[in-house]
Structure formats: C-alpha cells, structure tokens
Amino acid sequence: MSAAVEPARRPPPPSRRIQPSPPFLQAVGESFLEIASTVGGMGLLAARVVARIFSFRVDGAELMRNLYKMGVKSVPIVIVTALFTGAIMVIQAAPLVQRYGAHGLLGWGAGFGTLREIAPLLTALMINGRVGANNTAELGTMVVTEQIDALRVLAIDPISFLIAPRFLAIVATLFLSTIFADVLALLGAAYAGLGLLGVAPTVFFNGLTSGLLGIGDVMNGLVKSVVFGIVMALASCQYGLGVKGGAPGVGRAVNATVVASAAGIFILDYFVSFTLD
C-alpha cells in the first residue's frame, strides 16, 4: 500500500507586531501625562487645604514658625532685589528722559512698570528660589524618613499640621514681600534718578503721584503676588509630598519645584495681566 499523502500545511499567518510610537511622540505623550498628573494633584491638594482653612483646622504654632522662617528671613534678599530693581528701571528710562527733557515723568516711567509687573514678578522668583525649594526639601525629607506616615499613625492630619500652615505662610510672605519691595524699589529709583540724572526725589515722587498712576496699578501687582504665592505653595507641597527614591528623589523634586513654579508664575502672569487690563 502506498503511504497516505499528508495534506500540505499552511504557513502560519504573519505576526501582527505593534509598531512602536516615534520617540518624539512618545516623549510628548509622557510629558503631557506628567503635567496633567501634577496639575491634577495640585488641584486635589488645593481642595484639601481650603477645606482645612475654612474649618479652622490649621496648626497655629506651625504657621507662626513658617511665617518667621519664610518671611522674616527673606527680608535681606527682598531688600537687595527691590533696591536694584528700582535703579535698573531708572537706567532704562534715562535715555528718553534726557532726550526729551521729561524729568517730571521719571517717577511715572519707573513706577508704572515696577508696581504692576517687575516688583511682584522678581520678588516671586526670588522667594521661589529660597522658600519654595526649601519647603519641597523639608517635606520630601519627611516623606523619605517616614515622618509623614508617623503623623498618620499618631492620628495627626498632615494637611492640617504641615501643609495648610505652609500654604498660608508662603502666600502671606509673598504678598507682604511685594508691598515691601514696591516701597524699596521706588526709593531705589528715586535716589538712582538723583545720582544719575540729577532729578530730585521730590520731583520723582511728584511724577509718581501726579495722577498717571492710581491705586489700581498697585492692586494689579498685589493680586499677582497672591496668585504667584498660591502656585508656589501648591507646587512646592505637591512635589515634596510626592518624593520617591530616597535622597536623589528629594533633589529631583527640588529641581522640579523651582522649574514648575517659575513656569507657572510666567504663564499666570500673562493671564492675570490680560484679565485685569
């Protein structure tokens, strides 16, 4: 008998391999998801902090300690920044003042940009580098060393005991520092005008109060300082509480806090300026 003929076997179908996404699109997607996760976490943290504040569940001693550490100890850097900011504004306005002889408008020229934009913006950036980074480092160290978990074991709410006082302290520090910086920047501009252009301080302040500037210009900068403080507080607390990976993770969180806060300050500066103007 002849051997049975085996039916011909069909070749296996080609495997369907999922083509990987291009590296650029993958990086964009990962960045978008990371930003969305951070912003969402900041929103949830803000809701929890606001709930503690309106229910008066904020540790008073911790609030006062942070106000001293963040506010009082930031005074020297605010003084230096504000005085030189005012002097720089006069240097920028000097060519036009000399060309047209508009010495009486020097106060308005220096005060308009200082009160509405430069003083709150530079003060926020300086406070961000000192206070925001330090806040993230402290909270991150507490997370790594399990101090936050220890508070929960002791039935102590970390939001009421740590986060809400720091949130209020950062916002208050930036608001008060901006008022202080406004005054010092105008003083620095007045005496820089005296030294560089021979404009008497009385002439400078007459131009400042001649009606071209109003309380709205001052409030514009103060509203921005509150917005900047909220962003800085939420970013520093969010990155601090989300630290992973031990000591290197703390360093990465501090770096991310400074970058994210600075970017948020500039972005919100645009929208607040557009809204208020």
Protein backbone atom coordinates (compact mmCIF):
# COMPACT_ATOMS: atom_id res chain seq x y z
CA MET A 1 0.00 0.00 0.00
CA SER A 2 1.13 3.41 -0.80
CA ALA A 3 1.76 5.74 2.07
CA ALA A 4 -1.04 8.17 2.82
CA VAL A 5 -0.37 11.56 1.41
CA GLU A 6 -0.33 14.17 4.19
CA PRO A 7 -2.17 17.39 3.41
CA ALA A 8 0.06 20.34 2.81
CA ARG A 9 0.39 22.52 5.89
CA ARG A 10 -0.34 26.18 5.53
CA PRO A 11 2.34 28.57 6.69
CA PRO A 12 1.50 30.38 9.93
CA PRO A 13 -0.02 33.83 9.45
CA PRO A 14 2.42 36.69 9.85
CA SER A 15 2.50 38.01 13.39
CA ARG A 16 0.97 41.39 13.89
CA ARG A 17 3.59 43.44 15.60
CA ILE A 18 2.56 46.75 17.07
CA GLN A 19 4.82 49.39 15.69
CA PRO A 20 6.33 51.49 18.48
CA SER A 21 5.49 55.16 18.53
CA PRO A 22 8.12 57.58 17.30
CA PRO A 23 10.37 58.77 20.13
CA PHE A 24 9.21 62.36 19.71
CA LEU A 25 5.51 61.50 20.05
CA GLN A 26 6.27 59.22 22.97
CA ALA A 27 8.16 61.98 24.76
CA VAL A 28 5.33 64.44 24.10
CA GLY A 29 2.75 62.00 25.45
CA GLU A 30 4.76 61.24 28.57
CA SER A 31 5.29 64.95 29.22
CA PHE A 32 1.59 65.66 28.77
CA LEU A 33 0.60 62.88 31.17
CA GLU A 34 3.16 64.05 33.72
CA ILE A 35 1.93 67.64 33.56
CA ALA A 36 -1.70 66.52 33.78
CA SER A 37 -0.91 64.35 36.79
CA THR A 38 0.92 67.19 38.54
CA VAL A 39 -1.79 69.77 37.86
CA GLY A 40 -4.49 67.34 38.97
CA GLY A 41 -2.58 66.57 42.16
CA MET A 42 -2.18 70.28 42.86
CA GLY A 43 -5.91 70.77 42.37
CA LEU A 44 -6.78 67.99 44.81
CA LEU A 45 -4.24 69.30 47.31
CA ALA A 46 -5.70 72.81 46.99
CA ALA A 47 -9.19 71.48 47.74
CA ARG A 48 -7.96 69.68 50.84
CA VAL A 49 -6.03 72.74 52.07
CA VAL A 50 -9.00 75.07 51.53
CA ALA A 51 -11.24 72.65 53.44
CA ARG A 52 -8.84 72.72 56.41
CA ILE A 53 -8.54 76.51 56.32
CA PHE A 54 -12.28 77.21 56.26
CA SER A 55 -12.87 74.69 59.03
CA PHE A 56 -10.11 76.39 61.10
CA ARG A 57 -8.07 73.18 61.31
CA VAL A 58 -4.66 74.81 60.94
CA ASP A 59 -1.84 74.45 63.44
CA GLY A 60 -1.16 77.96 64.74
CA ALA A 61 2.31 77.31 66.13
CA GLU A 62 3.47 75.79 62.86
CA LEU A 63 2.02 78.75 60.97
CA MET A 64 3.93 81.27 63.07
CA ARG A 65 7.14 79.27 62.78
CA ASN A 66 6.85 79.20 59.00
CA LEU A 67 5.98 82.89 58.78
CA TYR A 68 9.21 83.68 60.60
CA LYS A 69 11.30 81.21 58.63
CA MET A 70 9.87 82.12 55.22
CA GLY A 71 9.02 85.79 55.70
CA VAL A 72 11.37 87.42 58.16
CA LYS A 73 14.45 85.56 56.95
CA SER A 74 13.67 86.53 53.34
CA VAL A 75 13.85 90.27 54.09
CA PRO A 76 17.55 90.73 53.15
CA ILE A 77 17.17 89.22 49.68
CA VAL A 78 13.99 91.26 49.11
CA ILE A 79 15.79 94.47 50.07
CA VAL A 80 18.69 93.87 47.69
CA THR A 81 16.44 92.78 44.83
CA ALA A 82 14.00 95.69 45.22
CA LEU A 83 16.60 98.46 45.51
CA PHE A 84 18.48 97.37 42.41
CA THR A 85 15.24 96.77 40.53
CA GLY A 86 14.25 100.40 41.02
CA ALA A 87 17.71 101.58 39.96
CA ILE A 88 17.56 99.45 36.82
CA MET A 89 14.20 100.94 35.87
CA VAL A 90 15.72 104.42 36.06
CA ILE A 91 18.69 103.36 33.93
CA GLN A 92 16.31 102.06 31.27
CA ALA A 93 14.27 105.27 31.30
CA ALA A 94 17.27 107.61 31.41
CA PRO A 95 17.91 107.93 27.61
CA LEU A 96 14.34 109.02 26.88
CA VAL A 97 14.23 111.35 29.88
CA GLN A 98 17.42 113.09 28.77
CA ARG A 99 16.45 113.20 25.10
CA TYR A 100 13.08 114.87 25.66
CA GLY A 101 13.80 116.59 28.96
CA ALA A 102 10.86 114.82 30.60
CA HIS A 103 12.35 114.74 34.07
CA GLY A 104 8.94 115.15 35.66
CA LEU A 105 7.76 111.86 34.13
CA LEU A 106 10.64 109.82 35.52
CA GLY A 107 8.57 108.80 38.55
CA TRP A 108 5.70 107.62 36.38
CA GLY A 109 8.02 105.78 33.96
CA ALA A 110 9.79 103.90 36.72
CA GLY A 111 6.75 103.38 38.94
CA PHE A 112 4.36 102.07 36.29
CA GLY A 113 6.42 99.03 35.33
CA THR A 114 7.69 98.46 38.87
CA LEU A 115 4.34 98.42 40.62
CA ARG A 116 2.41 96.47 38.01
CA GLU A 117 4.96 93.94 36.82
CA ILE A 118 8.61 93.99 37.81
CA ALA A 119 8.38 94.08 41.61
CA PRO A 120 5.84 91.23 42.03
CA LEU A 121 7.50 89.12 39.35
CA LEU A 122 11.09 89.38 40.56
CA THR A 123 10.04 89.07 44.19
CA ALA A 124 8.14 85.87 43.37
CA LEU A 125 11.13 84.40 41.54
CA MET A 126 13.49 85.20 44.40
CA ILE A 127 11.10 83.82 47.04
CA ASN A 128 10.58 80.75 44.86
CA GLY A 129 14.30 80.02 44.79
CA ARG A 130 14.62 80.35 48.54
CA VAL A 131 11.29 79.40 50.13
CA GLY A 132 9.74 77.08 47.55
CA ALA A 133 12.84 74.93 47.16
CA ASN A 134 13.38 74.75 50.91
CA ASN A 135 9.75 73.76 51.51
CA THR A 136 9.98 70.93 48.99
CA ALA A 137 13.23 69.70 50.51
CA GLU A 138 11.75 69.64 54.02
CA LEU A 139 8.57 67.82 53.01
CA GLY A 140 10.49 65.42 50.78
CA THR A 141 12.85 64.54 53.61
CA MET A 142 9.87 63.90 55.88
CA VAL A 143 8.38 61.56 53.29
CA VAL A 144 11.65 59.66 52.76
CA THR A 145 12.23 59.25 56.51
CA GLU A 146 8.57 58.21 57.01
CA GLN A 147 7.76 61.13 59.30
CA ILE A 148 4.53 61.78 57.37
CA ASP A 149 3.48 58.16 57.96
CA ALA A 150 4.33 58.55 61.63
CA LEU A 151 1.97 61.54 61.87
CA ARG A 152 -0.84 59.46 60.40
CA VAL A 153 -0.12 56.65 62.88
CA LEU A 154 -0.43 59.20 65.70
CA ALA A 155 -3.80 60.33 64.25
CA ILE A 156 -2.37 63.73 63.26
CA ASP A 157 -3.61 65.09 59.95
CA PRO A 158 -0.53 66.06 57.85
CA ILE A 159 -2.59 68.56 55.83
CA SER A 160 -3.68 70.47 58.93
CA PHE A 161 -0.36 70.18 60.73
CA LEU A 162 2.13 70.69 57.88
CA ILE A 163 0.62 71.66 54.54
CA ALA A 164 -2.04 74.27 55.38
CA PRO A 165 0.30 76.35 57.61
CA ARG A 166 2.99 76.31 54.91
CA PHE A 167 0.44 77.25 52.24
CA LEU A 168 -0.76 80.26 54.23
CA ALA A 169 2.78 81.27 55.16
CA ILE A 170 4.01 81.24 51.55
CA VAL A 171 1.05 83.27 50.26
CA ALA A 172 1.32 85.80 53.11
CA THR A 173 5.09 86.03 52.71
CA LEU A 174 4.88 86.82 49.00
CA PHE A 175 2.05 89.33 49.48
CA LEU A 176 3.85 91.25 52.23
CA SER A 177 7.20 90.98 50.47
CA THR A 178 5.69 92.53 47.35
CA ILE A 179 4.41 95.53 49.34
CA PHE A 180 7.86 95.90 50.90
CA ALA A 181 9.53 95.52 47.52
CA ASP A 182 7.28 98.18 45.95
CA VAL A 183 8.31 100.75 48.55
CA LEU A 184 12.01 99.90 48.37
CA ALA A 185 12.04 99.80 44.57
CA LEU A 186 10.55 103.29 44.40
CA LEU A 187 13.10 104.55 46.92
CA GLY A 188 15.91 102.96 44.92
CA ALA A 189 14.56 104.51 41.71
CA ALA A 190 14.23 107.95 43.30
CA TYR A 191 17.81 108.06 44.54
CA ALA A 192 19.16 106.45 41.38
CA GLY A 193 17.44 109.27 39.47
CA LEU A 194 19.14 111.76 41.77
CA GLY A 195 22.57 110.23 41.26
CA LEU A 196 22.35 109.52 37.53
CA LEU A 197 20.10 112.27 36.17
CA GLY A 198 20.09 114.92 38.89
CA VAL A 199 16.32 114.54 39.37
CA ALA A 200 15.39 115.46 42.94
CA PRO A 201 13.41 112.85 44.88
CA THR A 202 10.59 115.37 45.31
CA VAL A 203 10.30 115.73 41.53
CA PHE A 204 10.38 111.94 41.19
CA PHE A 205 7.56 111.39 43.68
CA ASN A 206 5.53 114.27 42.23
CA GLY A 207 5.63 112.48 38.89
CA LEU A 208 4.66 109.29 40.65
CA THR A 209 1.60 110.82 42.32
CA SER A 210 0.53 113.29 39.60
CA GLY A 211 -2.50 111.24 38.62
CA LEU A 212 -0.98 108.99 35.96
CA LEU A 213 -0.69 106.16 38.47
CA GLY A 214 -3.55 105.06 40.69
CA ILE A 215 -4.46 102.53 43.33
CA GLY A 216 -5.44 100.13 40.54
CA ASP A 217 -1.81 99.88 39.43
CA VAL A 218 -0.75 98.95 42.96
CA MET A 219 -3.58 96.43 43.33
CA ASN A 220 -2.65 94.88 40.00
CA GLY A 221 0.73 93.87 41.36
CA LEU A 222 -0.67 92.72 44.70
CA VAL A 223 -3.25 90.47 43.05
CA LYS A 224 -0.45 88.93 41.02
CA SER A 225 1.57 88.32 44.18
CA VAL A 226 -1.31 86.35 45.72
CA VAL A 227 -1.70 84.24 42.57
CA PHE A 228 2.04 83.62 42.40
CA GLY A 229 2.07 82.63 46.08
CA ILE A 230 -0.73 80.10 45.57
CA VAL A 231 1.08 78.50 42.63
CA MET A 232 4.37 78.39 44.51
CA ALA A 233 2.81 76.91 47.65
CA LEU A 234 0.88 74.21 45.80
CA ALA A 235 3.82 73.24 43.59
CA SER A 236 6.33 73.00 46.46
CA CYS A 237 3.96 70.98 48.65
CA GLN A 238 2.85 68.70 45.82
CA TYR A 239 6.39 67.84 44.71
CA GLY A 240 7.52 67.47 48.32
CA LEU A 241 4.79 65.00 49.21
CA GLY A 242 5.36 63.04 46.00
CA VAL A 243 9.06 62.32 46.56
CA LYS A 244 10.20 58.79 45.69
CA GLY A 245 13.63 57.23 45.53
CA GLY A 246 15.34 58.40 48.69
CA ALA A 247 17.77 61.31 48.81
CA PRO A 248 18.19 61.54 44.99
CA GLY A 249 14.41 61.84 44.74
CA VAL A 250 14.48 64.84 47.07
CA GLY A 251 16.99 66.56 44.80
CA ARG A 252 14.88 65.87 41.71
CA ALA A 253 11.77 67.17 43.48
CA VAL A 254 13.50 70.42 44.48
CA ASN A 255 14.66 70.99 40.91
CA ALA A 256 11.19 70.23 39.54
CA THR A 257 9.59 72.61 42.04
CA VAL A 258 11.75 75.57 41.03
CA VAL A 259 11.17 74.96 37.32
CA ALA A 260 7.43 74.30 37.60
CA SER A 261 6.82 77.26 39.89
CA ALA A 262 8.77 79.65 37.65
CA ALA A 263 6.92 78.43 34.56
CA GLY A 264 3.58 78.71 36.35
CA ILE A 265 4.41 82.23 37.51
CA PHE A 266 5.12 83.44 33.98
CA ILE A 267 2.10 81.68 32.47
CA LEU A 268 -0.31 83.01 35.09
CA ASP A 269 1.31 86.44 34.89
CA TYR A 270 0.15 86.63 31.28
CA PHE A 271 -3.41 85.56 32.04
CA VAL A 272 -3.76 87.78 35.12
CA SER A 273 -2.37 90.78 33.21
CA PHE A 274 -4.76 90.10 30.34
CA THR A 275 -7.72 89.76 32.74
CA LEU A 276 -7.00 92.82 34.87
CA ASP A 277 -6.16 95.08 31.95
